[in-house]
Structures are given as C-alpha cells and as structure tokens.
Amino acid sequence: AVAIADDYEDATPRVVLTVEEVGQ
C-alpha cells in the first residue's frame, strides 16, 4: 500500500510504503 501522511512532529509530508506478508 502507498499513502501520504504529514502527522509527524515536524509536520513534513511523507510517502508511506507498507509491505505485508499475507496472513501477517
């Protein structure tokens, strides 16, 4: 999954890449 977020302490927007094994 790819998302964007800016809810960090520095409020800098970032691209968030998540990779998960099926069943995990």
PDB file of all heavy atoms in Angstrom:
ATOM      1  N   ALA A   1       0.852  -1.187   0.000  1.00  0.00           N
ATOM      2  CA  ALA A   1       0.000   0.000   0.000  1.00  0.00           C
ATOM      3  C   ALA A   1       0.887   1.236   0.000  1.00  0.00           C
ATOM      4  O   ALA A   1       1.970   1.239   0.592  1.00  0.00           O
ATOM      5  CB  ALA A   1      -0.912   0.013   1.221  1.00  0.00           C
ATOM      6  N   VAL A   2       0.420   2.275  -0.682  1.00  0.00           N
ATOM      7  CA  VAL A   2       1.105   3.565  -0.701  1.00  0.00           C
ATOM      8  C   VAL A   2       0.115   4.608  -0.183  1.00  0.00           C
ATOM      9  O   VAL A   2      -1.050   4.627  -0.571  1.00  0.00           O
ATOM     10  CB  VAL A   2       1.572   3.935  -2.131  1.00  0.00           C
ATOM     11  CG1 VAL A   2       2.146   5.340  -2.168  1.00  0.00           C
ATOM     12  CG2 VAL A   2       2.581   2.919  -2.638  1.00  0.00           C
ATOM     13  N   ALA A   3       0.618   5.449   0.707  1.00  0.00           N
ATOM     14  CA  ALA A   3      -0.208   6.516   1.279  1.00  0.00           C
ATOM     15  C   ALA A   3       0.665   7.756   1.454  1.00  0.00           C
ATOM     16  O   ALA A   3       1.881   7.705   1.240  1.00  0.00           O
ATOM     17  CB  ALA A   3      -0.780   6.076   2.624  1.00  0.00           C
ATOM     18  N   ILE A   4       0.034   8.841   1.828  1.00  0.00           N
ATOM     19  CA  ILE A   4       0.777  10.033   2.217  1.00  0.00           C
ATOM     20  C   ILE A   4       0.335  10.410   3.626  1.00  0.00           C
ATOM     21  O   ILE A   4      -0.800  10.140   4.027  1.00  0.00           O
ATOM     22  CB  ILE A   4       0.575  11.222   1.248  1.00  0.00           C
ATOM     23  CG1 ILE A   4      -0.908  11.550   1.089  1.00  0.00           C
ATOM     24  CG2 ILE A   4       1.223  10.936  -0.089  1.00  0.00           C
ATOM     25  CD1 ILE A   4      -1.172  12.812   0.288  1.00  0.00           C
ATOM     26  N   ALA A   5       1.256  11.005   4.375  1.00  0.00           N
ATOM     27  CA  ALA A   5       0.940  11.431   5.732  1.00  0.00           C
ATOM     28  C   ALA A   5       1.792  12.638   6.094  1.00  0.00           C
ATOM     29  O   ALA A   5       2.900  12.795   5.586  1.00  0.00           O
ATOM     30  CB  ALA A   5       1.201  10.292   6.719  1.00  0.00           C
ATOM     31  N   ASP A   6       1.244  13.469   6.967  1.00  0.00           N
ATOM     32  CA  ASP A   6       2.016  14.603   7.475  1.00  0.00           C
ATOM     33  C   ASP A   6       1.846  14.744   8.984  1.00  0.00           C
ATOM     34  O   ASP A   6       2.113  15.788   9.553  1.00  0.00           O
ATOM     35  CB  ASP A   6       1.649  15.904   6.770  1.00  0.00           C
ATOM     36  CG  ASP A   6       0.252  16.386   7.090  1.00  0.00           C
ATOM     37  OD1 ASP A   6      -0.502  15.667   7.788  1.00  0.00           O
ATOM     38  OD2 ASP A   6      -0.098  17.492   6.650  1.00  0.00           O
ATOM     39  N   ASP A   7       1.409  13.684   9.641  1.00  0.00           N
ATOM     40  CA  ASP A   7       1.157  13.746  11.085  1.00  0.00           C
ATOM     41  C   ASP A   7       2.388  13.339  11.902  1.00  0.00           C
ATOM     42  O   ASP A   7       2.323  12.518  12.798  1.00  0.00           O
ATOM     43  CB  ASP A   7      -0.076  12.923  11.456  1.00  0.00           C
ATOM     44  CG  ASP A   7      -0.005  11.485  10.983  1.00  0.00           C
ATOM     45  OD1 ASP A   7       0.902  11.141  10.213  1.00  0.00           O
ATOM     46  OD2 ASP A   7      -0.875  10.700  11.399  1.00  0.00           O
ATOM     47  N   TYR A   8       3.498  13.960  11.572  1.00  0.00           N
ATOM     48  CA  TYR A   8       4.755  13.749  12.282  1.00  0.00           C
ATOM     49  C   TYR A   8       5.046  14.994  13.118  1.00  0.00           C
ATOM     50  O   TYR A   8       4.432  16.038  12.917  1.00  0.00           O
ATOM     51  CB  TYR A   8       5.902  13.519  11.284  1.00  0.00           C
ATOM     52  CG  TYR A   8       5.608  12.426  10.290  1.00  0.00           C
ATOM     53  CD1 TYR A   8       5.140  12.729   9.014  1.00  0.00           C
ATOM     54  CD2 TYR A   8       5.764  11.096  10.625  1.00  0.00           C
ATOM     55  CE1 TYR A   8       4.857  11.729   8.102  1.00  0.00           C
ATOM     56  CE2 TYR A   8       5.476  10.085   9.723  1.00  0.00           C
ATOM     57  CZ  TYR A   8       5.023  10.406   8.461  1.00  0.00           C
ATOM     58  OH  TYR A   8       4.736   9.416   7.561  1.00  0.00           O
ATOM     59  N   GLU A   9       5.996  14.893  14.024  1.00  0.00           N
ATOM     60  CA  GLU A   9       6.337  16.040  14.863  1.00  0.00           C
ATOM     61  C   GLU A   9       6.756  17.252  14.039  1.00  0.00           C
ATOM     62  O   GLU A   9       6.490  18.388  14.419  1.00  0.00           O
ATOM     63  CB  GLU A   9       7.437  15.667  15.854  1.00  0.00           C
ATOM     64  CG  GLU A   9       6.940  14.787  16.973  1.00  0.00           C
ATOM     65  CD  GLU A   9       7.993  14.531  18.022  1.00  0.00           C
ATOM     66  OE1 GLU A   9       9.025  15.230  18.064  1.00  0.00           O
ATOM     67  OE2 GLU A   9       7.773  13.603  18.816  1.00  0.00           O
ATOM     68  N   ASP A  10       7.428  17.009  12.890  1.00  0.00           N
ATOM     69  CA  ASP A  10       7.856  18.136  12.058  1.00  0.00           C
ATOM     70  C   ASP A  10       6.818  18.538  11.009  1.00  0.00           C
ATOM     71  O   ASP A  10       7.027  19.467  10.243  1.00  0.00           O
ATOM     72  CB  ASP A  10       9.196  17.840  11.378  1.00  0.00           C
ATOM     73  CG  ASP A  10       9.140  16.670  10.409  1.00  0.00           C
ATOM     74  OD1 ASP A  10       8.038  16.103  10.185  1.00  0.00           O
ATOM     75  OD2 ASP A  10      10.200  16.313   9.869  1.00  0.00           O
ATOM     76  N   ALA A  11       5.695  17.836  10.936  1.00  0.00           N
ATOM     77  CA  ALA A  11       4.589  18.111  10.011  1.00  0.00           C
ATOM     78  C   ALA A  11       5.013  18.079   8.540  1.00  0.00           C
ATOM     79  O   ALA A  11       4.316  18.589   7.680  1.00  0.00           O
ATOM     80  CB  ALA A  11       3.927  19.446  10.328  1.00  0.00           C
ATOM     81  N   THR A  12       6.132  17.438   8.248  1.00  0.00           N
ATOM     82  CA  THR A  12       6.597  17.309   6.865  1.00  0.00           C
ATOM     83  C   THR A  12       5.859  16.163   6.188  1.00  0.00           C
ATOM     84  O   THR A  12       5.833  15.051   6.721  1.00  0.00           O
ATOM     85  CB  THR A  12       8.116  17.046   6.832  1.00  0.00           C
ATOM     86  OG1 THR A  12       8.782  18.126   7.474  1.00  0.00           O
ATOM     87  CG2 THR A  12       8.625  16.889   5.424  1.00  0.00           C
ATOM     88  N   PRO A  13       5.247  16.387   5.025  1.00  0.00           N
ATOM     89  CA  PRO A  13       4.566  15.287   4.340  1.00  0.00           C
ATOM     90  C   PRO A  13       5.554  14.244   3.839  1.00  0.00           C
ATOM     91  O   PRO A  13       6.651  14.573   3.378  1.00  0.00           O
ATOM     92  CB  PRO A  13       3.841  15.960   3.175  1.00  0.00           C
ATOM     93  CG  PRO A  13       4.406  17.322   3.055  1.00  0.00           C
ATOM     94  CD  PRO A  13       5.139  17.648   4.307  1.00  0.00           C
ATOM     95  N   ARG A  14       5.151  13.004   3.945  1.00  0.00           N
ATOM     96  CA  ARG A  14       5.979  11.876   3.503  1.00  0.00           C
ATOM     97  C   ARG A  14       5.117  10.867   2.758  1.00  0.00           C
ATOM     98  O   ARG A  14       3.915  10.781   2.964  1.00  0.00           O
ATOM     99  CB  ARG A  14       6.632  11.203   4.700  1.00  0.00           C
ATOM    100  CG  ARG A  14       7.708  12.056   5.364  1.00  0.00           C
ATOM    101  CD  ARG A  14       8.238  11.403   6.625  1.00  0.00           C
ATOM    102  NE  ARG A  14       9.379  12.116   7.167  1.00  0.00           N
ATOM    103  CZ  ARG A  14       9.299  13.193   7.952  1.00  0.00           C
ATOM    104  NH1 ARG A  14       8.122  13.695   8.266  1.00  0.00           N
ATOM    105  NH2 ARG A  14      10.395  13.770   8.413  1.00  0.00           N
ATOM    106  N   VAL A  15       5.781  10.101   1.920  1.00  0.00           N
ATOM    107  CA  VAL A  15       5.149   8.975   1.244  1.00  0.00           C
ATOM    108  C   VAL A  15       5.335   7.764   2.152  1.00  0.00           C
ATOM    109  O   VAL A  15       6.456   7.484   2.608  1.00  0.00           O
ATOM    110  CB  VAL A  15       5.784   8.726  -0.140  1.00  0.00           C
ATOM    111  CG1 VAL A  15       5.216   7.472  -0.779  1.00  0.00           C
ATOM    112  CG2 VAL A  15       5.575   9.939  -1.039  1.00  0.00           C
ATOM    113  N   VAL A  16       4.263   7.047   2.409  1.00  0.00           N
ATOM    114  CA  VAL A  16       4.312   5.897   3.303  1.00  0.00           C
ATOM    115  C   VAL A  16       4.095   4.633   2.470  1.00  0.00           C
ATOM    116  O   VAL A  16       3.056   4.477   1.827  1.00  0.00           O
ATOM    117  CB  VAL A  16       3.233   6.006   4.404  1.00  0.00           C
ATOM    118  CG1 VAL A  16       3.292   4.808   5.340  1.00  0.00           C
ATOM    119  CG2 VAL A  16       3.388   7.309   5.170  1.00  0.00           C
ATOM    120  N   LEU A  17       5.076   3.757   2.467  1.00  0.00           N
ATOM    121  CA  LEU A  17       5.001   2.483   1.754  1.00  0.00           C
ATOM    122  C   LEU A  17       4.912   1.368   2.779  1.00  0.00           C
ATOM    123  O   LEU A  17       5.760   1.260   3.667  1.00  0.00           O
ATOM    124  CB  LEU A  17       6.244   2.292   0.878  1.00  0.00           C
ATOM    125  CG  LEU A  17       6.418   0.919   0.226  1.00  0.00           C
ATOM    126  CD1 LEU A  17       5.279   0.632  -0.748  1.00  0.00           C
ATOM    127  CD2 LEU A  17       7.768   0.843  -0.473  1.00  0.00           C
ATOM    128  N   THR A  18       3.869   0.558   2.667  1.00  0.00           N
ATOM    129  CA  THR A  18       3.669  -0.579   3.575  1.00  0.00           C
ATOM    130  C   THR A  18       3.700  -1.862   2.762  1.00  0.00           C
ATOM    131  O   THR A  18       3.027  -1.959   1.724  1.00  0.00           O
ATOM    132  CB  THR A  18       2.315  -0.462   4.308  1.00  0.00           C
ATOM    133  OG1 THR A  18       2.266   0.785   4.999  1.00  0.00           O
ATOM    134  CG2 THR A  18       2.124  -1.609   5.282  1.00  0.00           C
ATOM    135  N   VAL A  19       4.469  -2.835   3.225  1.00  0.00           N
ATOM    136  CA  VAL A  19       4.551  -4.152   2.588  1.00  0.00           C
ATOM    137  C   VAL A  19       4.283  -5.190   3.670  1.00  0.00           C
ATOM    138  O   VAL A  19       4.947  -5.196   4.708  1.00  0.00           O
ATOM    139  CB  VAL A  19       5.946  -4.387   1.957  1.00  0.00           C
ATOM    140  CG1 VAL A  19       6.009  -5.755   1.308  1.00  0.00           C
ATOM    141  CG2 VAL A  19       6.272  -3.300   0.951  1.00  0.00           C
ATOM    142  N   GLU A  20       3.270  -6.031   3.443  1.00  0.00           N
ATOM    143  CA  GLU A  20       2.899  -7.041   4.436  1.00  0.00           C
ATOM    144  C   GLU A  20       2.759  -8.409   3.791  1.00  0.00           C
ATOM    145  O   GLU A  20       2.203  -8.540   2.702  1.00  0.00           O
ATOM    146  CB  GLU A  20       1.561  -6.696   5.089  1.00  0.00           C
ATOM    147  CG  GLU A  20       1.605  -5.476   5.962  1.00  0.00           C
ATOM    148  CD  GLU A  20       0.283  -5.222   6.648  1.00  0.00           C
ATOM    149  OE1 GLU A  20      -0.778  -5.526   6.068  1.00  0.00           O
ATOM    150  OE2 GLU A  20       0.308  -4.711   7.765  1.00  0.00           O
ATOM    151  N   GLU A  21       3.246  -9.405   4.497  1.00  0.00           N
ATOM    152  CA  GLU A  21       3.069 -10.781   4.059  1.00  0.00           C
ATOM    153  C   GLU A  21       1.623 -11.189   4.311  1.00  0.00           C
ATOM    154  O   GLU A  21       1.027 -10.829   5.332  1.00  0.00           O
ATOM    155  CB  GLU A  21       4.017 -11.703   4.822  1.00  0.00           C
ATOM    156  CG  GLU A  21       4.011 -13.124   4.306  1.00  0.00           C
ATOM    157  CD  GLU A  21       5.060 -14.000   4.974  1.00  0.00           C
ATOM    158  OE1 GLU A  21       5.770 -13.510   5.868  1.00  0.00           O
ATOM    159  OE2 GLU A  21       5.150 -15.160   4.580  1.00  0.00           O
ATOM    160  N   VAL A  22       1.053 -11.932   3.376  1.00  0.00           N
ATOM    161  CA  VAL A  22      -0.324 -12.398   3.509  1.00  0.00           C
ATOM    162  C   VAL A  22      -0.448 -13.194   4.809  1.00  0.00           C
ATOM    163  O   VAL A  22       0.408 -14.027   5.125  1.00  0.00           O
ATOM    164  CB  VAL A  22      -0.727 -13.254   2.288  1.00  0.00           C
ATOM    165  CG1 VAL A  22      -2.071 -13.915   2.506  1.00  0.00           C
ATOM    166  CG2 VAL A  22      -0.758 -12.394   1.039  1.00  0.00           C
ATOM    167  N   GLY A  23      -1.479 -12.906   5.572  1.00  0.00           N
ATOM    168  CA  GLY A  23      -1.708 -13.584   6.836  1.00  0.00           C
ATOM    169  C   GLY A  23      -0.955 -12.972   8.009  1.00  0.00           C
ATOM    170  O   GLY A  23      -1.068 -13.449   9.135  1.00  0.00           O
ATOM    171  N   GLN A  24      -0.207 -11.919   7.763  1.00  0.00           N
ATOM    172  CA  GLN A  24       0.575 -11.271   8.819  1.00  0.00           C
ATOM    173  C   GLN A  24       0.224  -9.787   8.926  1.00  0.00           C
ATOM    174  O   GLN A  24       1.112  -8.956   9.137  1.00  0.00           O
ATOM    175  CB  GLN A  24       2.074 -11.441   8.530  1.00  0.00           C
ATOM    176  CG  GLN A  24       2.556 -12.870   8.503  1.00  0.00           C
ATOM    177  CD  GLN A  24       2.434 -13.515   9.879  1.00  0.00           C
ATOM    178  OE1 GLN A  24       2.766 -12.926  10.890  1.00  0.00           O
ATOM    179  NE2 GLN A  24       1.932 -14.730   9.903  1.00  0.00           N
TER     180      GLN A  24
END
